[in-house]
Amino acid sequence: MNTKSVSGFTLLEVMVALAVIALGMAAVIKTVTTTTSNTIYLRDKTFAYWVAQNQLAEIEVTAASPKTGFTDGEEKLAGLTWHWTRKIEGTEDPDTNRIEITVRKDKDKSAQNYATLITLFFNPR
């Protein structure tokens, strides 16, 4: 009888190797998914901040002395509709107003704010 030596992997070794590869791929997929969702969130925060800056620029350009109180509105930017709330109130200095602009994706005011811009606006008499 002539016996030949057979070399190769056993079924158990192949199954263990496939399990290790599957775990590694699952970790890679989870990392890519997390990175993608974080990138989308940061993109949306950037757009929301631009909307807030646009609202502030509008106040600076159009109003010599902005009226105090609340104003709501919406603006389209980057294919999305952004809902903003503008709050203008006086300060101890009669020539200075405090302006707070919040921006969110949802019209509901209890929705997550993606950006909040707070500034002081000097409006001499």
N, C-alpha and C. Protein backbone atom coordinates (compact mmCIF):
# COMPACT_ATOMS: atom_id res chain seq x y z
N MET A 1 0.82 -1.17 0.00
CA MET A 1 0.00 0.00 0.00
C MET A 1 0.86 1.24 0.00
N ASN A 2 0.49 2.10 -0.85
CA ASN A 2 1.20 3.35 -0.99
C ASN A 2 0.33 4.48 -0.42
N THR A 3 0.76 5.14 0.63
CA THR A 3 -0.02 6.25 1.20
C THR A 3 0.62 7.56 0.82
N LYS A 4 -0.20 8.43 0.37
CA LYS A 4 0.27 9.76 0.01
C LYS A 4 -0.13 10.72 1.11
N SER A 5 0.74 11.64 1.41
CA SER A 5 0.43 12.64 2.42
C SER A 5 -0.36 13.76 1.75
N VAL A 6 -1.50 14.09 2.33
CA VAL A 6 -2.37 15.14 1.80
C VAL A 6 -2.19 16.37 2.67
N SER A 7 -1.91 17.49 2.03
CA SER A 7 -1.77 18.72 2.81
C SER A 7 -2.93 19.65 2.48
N GLY A 8 -3.31 20.48 3.44
CA GLY A 8 -4.43 21.41 3.25
C GLY A 8 -5.04 21.75 4.59
N PHE A 9 -6.13 22.45 4.53
CA PHE A 9 -6.81 22.86 5.75
C PHE A 9 -7.93 21.89 6.07
N THR A 10 -8.14 21.72 7.34
CA THR A 10 -9.28 20.90 7.76
C THR A 10 -10.53 21.76 7.72
N LEU A 11 -11.66 21.13 7.76
CA LEU A 11 -12.92 21.85 7.75
C LEU A 11 -13.03 22.78 8.96
N LEU A 12 -12.56 22.35 10.09
CA LEU A 12 -12.61 23.16 11.30
C LEU A 12 -11.77 24.43 11.14
N GLU A 13 -10.59 24.31 10.56
CA GLU A 13 -9.73 25.47 10.35
C GLU A 13 -10.38 26.48 9.40
N VAL A 14 -11.02 25.99 8.37
CA VAL A 14 -11.71 26.87 7.42
C VAL A 14 -12.87 27.59 8.10
N MET A 15 -13.62 26.89 8.92
CA MET A 15 -14.76 27.49 9.63
C MET A 15 -14.29 28.58 10.60
N VAL A 16 -13.20 28.33 11.31
CA VAL A 16 -12.66 29.33 12.24
C VAL A 16 -12.18 30.55 11.46
N ALA A 17 -11.51 30.35 10.35
CA ALA A 17 -11.02 31.46 9.53
C ALA A 17 -12.20 32.30 9.01
N LEU A 18 -13.26 31.66 8.56
CA LEU A 18 -14.45 32.38 8.08
C LEU A 18 -15.12 33.16 9.20
N ALA A 19 -15.14 32.59 10.41
CA ALA A 19 -15.73 33.30 11.56
C ALA A 19 -14.92 34.55 11.88
N VAL A 20 -13.60 34.45 11.84
CA VAL A 20 -12.74 35.61 12.12
C VAL A 20 -12.95 36.68 11.06
N ILE A 21 -13.03 36.29 9.81
CA ILE A 21 -13.26 37.24 8.72
C ILE A 21 -14.62 37.91 8.86
N ALA A 22 -15.64 37.14 9.22
CA ALA A 22 -16.98 37.70 9.38
C ALA A 22 -17.01 38.74 10.51
N LEU A 23 -16.35 38.45 11.63
CA LEU A 23 -16.29 39.42 12.72
C LEU A 23 -15.56 40.69 12.31
N GLY A 24 -14.48 40.53 11.59
CA GLY A 24 -13.72 41.69 11.11
C GLY A 24 -14.54 42.54 10.15
N MET A 25 -15.25 41.90 9.25
CA MET A 25 -16.09 42.64 8.30
C MET A 25 -17.24 43.35 9.00
N ALA A 26 -17.82 42.74 10.02
CA ALA A 26 -18.89 43.37 10.78
C ALA A 26 -18.38 44.64 11.45
N ALA A 27 -17.17 44.58 12.00
CA ALA A 27 -16.58 45.77 12.64
C ALA A 27 -16.32 46.87 11.62
N VAL A 28 -15.84 46.51 10.45
CA VAL A 28 -15.60 47.50 9.40
C VAL A 28 -16.91 48.15 8.95
N ILE A 29 -17.95 47.36 8.76
CA ILE A 29 -19.24 47.89 8.33
C ILE A 29 -19.82 48.83 9.39
N LYS A 30 -19.69 48.45 10.66
CA LYS A 30 -20.19 49.31 11.74
C LYS A 30 -19.44 50.64 11.76
N THR A 31 -18.13 50.60 11.57
CA THR A 31 -17.32 51.82 11.55
C THR A 31 -17.72 52.72 10.39
N VAL A 32 -17.91 52.15 9.22
CA VAL A 32 -18.30 52.93 8.05
C VAL A 32 -19.68 53.55 8.25
N THR A 33 -20.61 52.81 8.82
CA THR A 33 -21.95 53.31 9.07
C THR A 33 -21.92 54.48 10.06
N THR A 34 -21.17 54.33 11.13
CA THR A 34 -21.05 55.40 12.13
C THR A 34 -20.41 56.64 11.53
N THR A 35 -19.37 56.46 10.75
CA THR A 35 -18.70 57.59 10.11
C THR A 35 -19.64 58.31 9.16
N THR A 36 -20.41 57.56 8.40
CA THR A 36 -21.35 58.17 7.46
C THR A 36 -22.42 58.96 8.19
N SER A 37 -23.00 58.41 9.24
CA SER A 37 -24.04 59.14 9.96
C SER A 37 -23.48 60.39 10.65
N ASN A 38 -22.25 60.31 11.16
CA ASN A 38 -21.62 61.49 11.75
C ASN A 38 -21.35 62.57 10.71
N THR A 39 -20.94 62.16 9.53
CA THR A 39 -20.68 63.11 8.45
C THR A 39 -21.97 63.83 8.04
N ILE A 40 -23.06 63.09 7.94
CA ILE A 40 -24.34 63.69 7.58
C ILE A 40 -24.79 64.67 8.66
N TYR A 41 -24.63 64.29 9.93
CA TYR A 41 -25.01 65.18 11.03
C TYR A 41 -24.19 66.46 11.01
N LEU A 42 -22.88 66.35 10.80
CA LEU A 42 -22.03 67.54 10.75
C LEU A 42 -22.35 68.41 9.54
N ARG A 43 -22.67 67.79 8.42
CA ARG A 43 -23.09 68.56 7.24
C ARG A 43 -24.34 69.36 7.55
N ASP A 44 -25.33 68.72 8.19
CA ASP A 44 -26.57 69.40 8.54
C ASP A 44 -26.34 70.53 9.53
N LYS A 45 -25.44 70.32 10.49
CA LYS A 45 -25.12 71.39 11.45
C LYS A 45 -24.49 72.58 10.73
N THR A 46 -23.65 72.32 9.76
CA THR A 46 -23.02 73.39 8.99
C THR A 46 -24.06 74.18 8.21
N PHE A 47 -24.97 73.47 7.54
CA PHE A 47 -26.04 74.16 6.80
C PHE A 47 -26.92 74.98 7.73
N ALA A 48 -27.25 74.42 8.89
CA ALA A 48 -28.10 75.14 9.85
C ALA A 48 -27.40 76.41 10.34
N TYR A 49 -26.10 76.33 10.56
CA TYR A 49 -25.37 77.51 10.99
C TYR A 49 -25.36 78.56 9.89
N TRP A 50 -25.27 78.14 8.63
CA TRP A 50 -25.34 79.09 7.52
C TRP A 50 -26.69 79.78 7.47
N VAL A 51 -27.75 79.02 7.74
CA VAL A 51 -29.09 79.62 7.78
C VAL A 51 -29.15 80.68 8.88
N ALA A 52 -28.59 80.37 10.05
CA ALA A 52 -28.58 81.34 11.15
C ALA A 52 -27.78 82.58 10.77
N GLN A 53 -26.65 82.39 10.12
CA GLN A 53 -25.85 83.53 9.68
C GLN A 53 -26.58 84.36 8.64
N ASN A 54 -27.34 83.70 7.76
CA ASN A 54 -28.15 84.42 6.77
C ASN A 54 -29.19 85.30 7.46
N GLN A 55 -29.82 84.77 8.50
CA GLN A 55 -30.82 85.55 9.23
C GLN A 55 -30.18 86.75 9.92
N LEU A 56 -29.02 86.56 10.49
CA LEU A 56 -28.32 87.66 11.13
C LEU A 56 -27.92 88.72 10.10
N ALA A 57 -27.44 88.29 8.97
CA ALA A 57 -27.06 89.23 7.91
C ALA A 57 -28.28 90.02 7.44
N GLU A 58 -29.42 89.36 7.36
CA GLU A 58 -30.65 90.05 6.96
C GLU A 58 -31.01 91.15 7.97
N ILE A 59 -30.86 90.85 9.25
CA ILE A 59 -31.13 91.86 10.28
C ILE A 59 -30.15 93.03 10.12
N GLU A 60 -28.88 92.72 9.94
CA GLU A 60 -27.87 93.77 9.82
C GLU A 60 -28.10 94.66 8.61
N VAL A 61 -28.57 94.08 7.53
CA VAL A 61 -28.73 94.84 6.29
C VAL A 61 -30.04 95.62 6.26
N THR A 62 -31.10 95.06 6.80
CA THR A 62 -32.42 95.67 6.62
C THR A 62 -32.90 96.50 7.79
N ALA A 63 -32.41 96.30 8.98
CA ALA A 63 -32.99 96.98 10.14
C ALA A 63 -31.96 97.88 10.82
N ALA A 64 -32.28 99.17 10.88
CA ALA A 64 -31.42 100.08 11.63
C ALA A 64 -31.58 99.79 13.11
N SER A 65 -32.79 99.48 13.51
CA SER A 65 -33.07 99.12 14.90
C SER A 65 -34.10 98.00 14.89
N PRO A 66 -33.67 96.75 15.00
CA PRO A 66 -34.61 95.64 14.90
C PRO A 66 -35.62 95.65 16.05
N LYS A 67 -36.83 95.22 15.74
CA LYS A 67 -37.89 95.18 16.74
C LYS A 67 -37.70 93.98 17.65
N THR A 68 -37.95 94.19 18.94
CA THR A 68 -37.82 93.09 19.87
C THR A 68 -38.99 92.13 19.72
N GLY A 69 -38.77 90.89 20.13
CA GLY A 69 -39.81 89.87 20.06
C GLY A 69 -39.33 88.64 19.29
N PHE A 70 -40.30 87.76 19.02
CA PHE A 70 -40.03 86.50 18.32
C PHE A 70 -40.47 86.59 16.87
N THR A 71 -39.70 85.96 16.00
CA THR A 71 -40.05 85.82 14.59
C THR A 71 -39.73 84.40 14.18
N ASP A 72 -40.63 83.78 13.44
CA ASP A 72 -40.41 82.43 12.91
C ASP A 72 -40.40 82.49 11.40
N GLY A 73 -39.71 81.55 10.80
CA GLY A 73 -39.71 81.48 9.35
C GLY A 73 -39.03 80.22 8.88
N GLU A 74 -38.93 80.11 7.57
CA GLU A 74 -38.22 78.97 6.99
C GLU A 74 -37.41 79.43 5.81
N GLU A 75 -36.39 78.66 5.52
CA GLU A 75 -35.47 78.98 4.43
C GLU A 75 -35.05 77.68 3.77
N LYS A 76 -34.95 77.71 2.46
CA LYS A 76 -34.48 76.54 1.73
C LYS A 76 -32.99 76.68 1.50
N LEU A 77 -32.26 75.64 1.86
CA LEU A 77 -30.82 75.62 1.64
C LEU A 77 -30.40 74.17 1.44
N ALA A 78 -29.63 73.93 0.41
CA ALA A 78 -29.08 72.60 0.11
C ALA A 78 -30.19 71.57 -0.09
N GLY A 79 -31.28 71.98 -0.68
CA GLY A 79 -32.38 71.05 -0.95
C GLY A 79 -33.22 70.70 0.26
N LEU A 80 -32.98 71.35 1.40
CA LEU A 80 -33.75 71.10 2.61
C LEU A 80 -34.45 72.37 3.05
N THR A 81 -35.56 72.20 3.75
CA THR A 81 -36.25 73.34 4.33
C THR A 81 -35.86 73.43 5.79
N TRP A 82 -35.30 74.57 6.16
CA TRP A 82 -34.85 74.80 7.52
C TRP A 82 -35.81 75.76 8.20
N HIS A 83 -36.17 75.47 9.43
CA HIS A 83 -37.09 76.31 10.20
C HIS A 83 -36.27 77.06 11.25
N TRP A 84 -36.45 78.36 11.30
CA TRP A 84 -35.67 79.17 12.23
C TRP A 84 -36.59 79.99 13.13
N THR A 85 -36.07 80.31 14.29
CA THR A 85 -36.75 81.18 15.25
C THR A 85 -35.75 82.26 15.65
N ARG A 86 -36.21 83.48 15.57
CA ARG A 86 -35.37 84.61 15.91
C ARG A 86 -35.96 85.31 17.12
N LYS A 87 -35.15 85.51 18.15
CA LYS A 87 -35.60 86.19 19.37
C LYS A 87 -34.71 87.41 19.57
N ILE A 88 -35.33 88.58 19.59
CA ILE A 88 -34.59 89.82 19.79
C ILE A 88 -35.10 90.45 21.07
N GLU A 89 -34.16 90.75 21.96
CA GLU A 89 -34.55 91.38 23.22
C GLU A 89 -33.55 92.46 23.57
N GLY A 90 -34.00 93.43 24.36
CA GLY A 90 -33.14 94.51 24.78
C GLY A 90 -32.16 94.06 25.86
N THR A 91 -31.16 94.88 26.08
CA THR A 91 -30.18 94.64 27.14
C THR A 91 -30.17 95.85 28.07
N GLU A 92 -29.27 95.85 29.02
CA GLU A 92 -29.16 96.98 29.93
C GLU A 92 -28.76 98.25 29.19
N ASP A 93 -28.01 98.08 28.12
CA ASP A 93 -27.63 99.22 27.27
C ASP A 93 -28.75 99.46 26.26
N PRO A 94 -29.36 100.65 26.26
CA PRO A 94 -30.48 100.88 25.34
C PRO A 94 -30.08 100.86 23.86
N ASP A 95 -28.79 100.96 23.56
CA ASP A 95 -28.34 100.93 22.17
C ASP A 95 -27.93 99.54 21.70
N THR A 96 -28.14 98.52 22.53
CA THR A 96 -27.70 97.17 22.19
C THR A 96 -28.84 96.18 22.39
N ASN A 97 -29.03 95.33 21.41
CA ASN A 97 -30.01 94.24 21.50
C ASN A 97 -29.29 92.90 21.50
N ARG A 98 -29.90 91.92 22.15
CA ARG A 98 -29.41 90.55 22.14
C ARG A 98 -30.24 89.79 21.12
N ILE A 99 -29.58 89.12 20.20
CA ILE A 99 -30.27 88.37 19.15
C ILE A 99 -29.90 86.90 19.30
N GLU A 100 -30.93 86.05 19.34
CA GLU A 100 -30.73 84.60 19.40
C GLU A 100 -31.50 83.96 18.26
N ILE A 101 -30.78 83.22 17.43
CA ILE A 101 -31.38 82.56 16.27
C ILE A 101 -31.15 81.06 16.42
N THR A 102 -32.24 80.28 16.40
CA THR A 102 -32.12 78.83 16.45
C THR A 102 -32.66 78.25 15.14
N VAL A 103 -32.03 77.19 14.69
CA VAL A 103 -32.39 76.56 13.42
C VAL A 103 -32.58 75.07 13.64
N ARG A 104 -33.64 74.53 13.04
CA ARG A 104 -33.95 73.10 13.15
C ARG A 104 -34.53 72.62 11.82
N LYS A 105 -34.57 71.32 11.65
CA LYS A 105 -35.14 70.75 10.42
C LYS A 105 -36.66 70.67 10.49
N ASP A 106 -37.18 70.43 11.67
CA ASP A 106 -38.62 70.21 11.85
C ASP A 106 -39.28 71.50 12.29
N LYS A 107 -40.51 71.71 11.86
CA LYS A 107 -41.23 72.92 12.23
C LYS A 107 -41.59 72.93 13.72
N ASP A 108 -41.69 71.76 14.31
CA ASP A 108 -42.01 71.64 15.73
C ASP A 108 -40.91 72.29 16.56
N LYS A 109 -41.28 73.23 17.41
CA LYS A 109 -40.28 73.97 18.18
C LYS A 109 -39.58 73.13 19.24
N SER A 110 -40.13 71.97 19.54
CA SER A 110 -39.47 71.09 20.51
C SER A 110 -38.47 70.16 19.82
N ALA A 111 -38.35 70.27 18.49
CA ALA A 111 -37.41 69.43 17.74
C ALA A 111 -35.97 69.85 18.05
N GLN A 112 -35.05 69.00 17.69
CA GLN A 112 -33.64 69.24 17.94
C GLN A 112 -33.16 70.48 17.20
N ASN A 113 -32.48 71.36 17.92
CA ASN A 113 -31.85 72.52 17.30
C ASN A 113 -30.52 72.09 16.69
N TYR A 114 -30.34 72.39 15.42
CA TYR A 114 -29.07 72.05 14.77
C TYR A 114 -28.06 73.17 14.93
N ALA A 115 -28.55 74.41 15.13
CA ALA A 115 -27.63 75.53 15.33
C ALA A 115 -28.32 76.58 16.18
N THR A 116 -27.54 77.23 17.04
CA THR A 116 -28.00 78.37 17.81
C THR A 116 -26.93 79.44 17.71
N LEU A 117 -27.34 80.62 17.25
CA LEU A 117 -26.43 81.74 17.10
C LEU A 117 -26.91 82.85 18.02
N ILE A 118 -26.04 83.29 18.91
CA ILE A 118 -26.37 84.36 19.85
C ILE A 118 -25.36 85.48 19.65
N THR A 119 -25.87 86.70 19.51
CA THR A 119 -24.97 87.83 19.30
C THR A 119 -25.59 89.10 19.90
N LEU A 120 -24.76 90.10 20.03
CA LEU A 120 -25.23 91.42 20.45
C LEU A 120 -25.20 92.33 19.23
N PHE A 121 -26.25 93.12 19.08
CA PHE A 121 -26.39 94.00 17.91
C PHE A 121 -26.46 95.43 18.39
N PHE A 122 -25.50 96.23 17.96
CA PHE A 122 -25.46 97.63 18.35
C PHE A 122 -26.32 98.44 17.38
N ASN A 123 -27.28 99.16 17.91
CA ASN A 123 -28.14 99.98 17.06
C ASN A 123 -28.26 101.37 17.68
N PRO A 124 -27.36 102.26 17.28
CA PRO A 124 -27.41 103.61 17.84
C PRO A 124 -28.70 104.33 17.44
N ARG A 125 -29.13 105.21 18.30
CA ARG A 125 -30.38 105.95 18.03
C ARG A 125 -30.22 106.99 16.99
